[in-house]
C-alpha cells in the first residue's frame, strides 16, 4: 500500500495533471505490453535499426487491427 506521507509526516500532494498523466500512461503501456507478449516482440528477431523499426511498425499495425472492431462498435471513430 502506498504511503500518503513523506519524510517527517508531511502529506504528499500530487501535482496538477498527475491523474490524467497516469491514465494516458496506462493506455500507452498496454500497447507495449501487448506488443511484447502477444506479438512476440519481447526479443527482436531482427538486426539493424531499420528492420527493428519495421518489425515494431508491423506489430503496432496488428494491434490496431485487433482494436478496430471495438472502436467501430463503440462509435469512437465516427
Protein backbone atom coordinates (compact mmCIF):
# COMPACT_ATOMS: atom_id res chain seq x y z
CA UNK A 1 0.00 0.00 0.00
CA UNK A 2 1.23 3.44 -0.85
CA UNK A 3 2.03 5.84 1.95
CA UNK A 4 0.31 9.22 1.91
CA UNK A 5 3.04 10.93 3.88
CA UNK A 6 6.64 11.60 3.04
CA UNK A 7 9.63 12.19 5.28
CA UNK A 8 8.65 13.77 8.58
CA UNK A 9 4.94 13.04 8.17
CA UNK A 10 4.40 15.75 5.54
CA UNK A 11 1.39 14.99 3.33
CA UNK A 12 2.32 14.29 -0.30
CA UNK A 13 0.19 16.19 -2.79
CA UNK A 14 0.48 15.08 -6.43
CA UNK A 15 1.00 17.89 -8.94
CA UNK A 16 -1.91 19.07 -11.11
CA UNK A 17 -2.49 16.80 -14.09
CA UNK A 18 -0.89 13.75 -12.43
CA UNK A 19 -4.04 11.61 -12.62
CA UNK A 20 -4.58 12.45 -16.30
CA UNK A 21 -0.94 11.62 -16.96
CA UNK A 22 -1.33 8.23 -15.27
CA UNK A 23 -4.42 7.38 -17.38
CA UNK A 24 -2.55 8.27 -20.56
CA UNK A 25 0.47 6.28 -19.41
CA UNK A 26 -1.69 3.21 -18.76
CA UNK A 27 -3.03 3.27 -22.34
CA UNK A 28 0.48 3.54 -23.77
CA UNK A 29 1.88 0.79 -21.53
CA UNK A 30 -0.99 -1.52 -22.57
CA UNK A 31 0.16 -1.23 -26.19
CA UNK A 32 3.78 -2.05 -25.37
CA UNK A 33 2.65 -4.94 -23.16
CA UNK A 34 0.55 -6.39 -25.98
CA UNK A 35 3.39 -5.99 -28.47
CA UNK A 36 5.82 -7.76 -26.14
CA UNK A 37 3.56 -10.65 -25.14
CA UNK A 38 1.08 -11.35 -27.93
CA UNK A 39 3.09 -10.08 -30.91
CA UNK A 40 6.26 -11.75 -29.59
CA UNK A 41 8.38 -8.62 -29.68
CA UNK A 42 9.95 -9.02 -26.24
CA UNK A 43 13.13 -10.05 -28.04
CA UNK A 44 13.56 -8.74 -31.53
CA UNK A 45 14.29 -11.19 -34.30
CA UNK A 46 15.87 -8.53 -36.49
CA UNK A 47 19.22 -6.81 -36.75
CA UNK A 48 19.61 -3.20 -37.74
CA UNK A 49 17.64 -0.15 -36.73
CA UNK A 50 15.58 -0.05 -39.93
CA UNK A 51 14.44 -3.66 -39.69
CA UNK A 52 13.65 -3.42 -35.97
CA UNK A 53 11.60 -0.28 -36.65
CA UNK A 54 9.73 -2.05 -39.45
CA UNK A 55 9.02 -5.02 -37.18
CA UNK A 56 7.67 -2.72 -34.49
CA UNK A 57 5.53 -0.91 -37.07
CA UNK A 58 4.08 -4.24 -38.18
CA UNK A 59 3.35 -5.28 -34.58
CA UNK A 60 1.62 -1.98 -33.80
CA UNK A 61 -0.39 -2.23 -37.03
CA UNK A 62 -1.54 -5.69 -35.90
CA UNK A 63 -2.55 -4.20 -32.53
CA UNK A 64 -4.59 -1.56 -34.34
CA UNK A 65 -6.32 -4.24 -36.41
CA UNK A 66 -7.20 -6.13 -33.24
CA UNK A 67 -8.66 -2.95 -31.71
CA UNK A 68 -10.54 -1.83 -34.82
CA UNK A 69 -13.79 -3.81 -34.27
CA UNK A 70 -14.06 -2.48 -30.72
CA UNK A 71 -13.51 1.08 -31.88
CA UNK A 72 -16.05 0.74 -34.68
CA UNK A 73 -18.74 -0.81 -32.49
CA UNK A 74 -18.28 1.80 -29.80
CA UNK A 75 -18.67 4.65 -32.23
CA UNK A 76 -15.32 6.12 -31.24
CA UNK A 77 -14.26 6.67 -34.84
CA UNK A 78 -17.43 8.37 -36.08
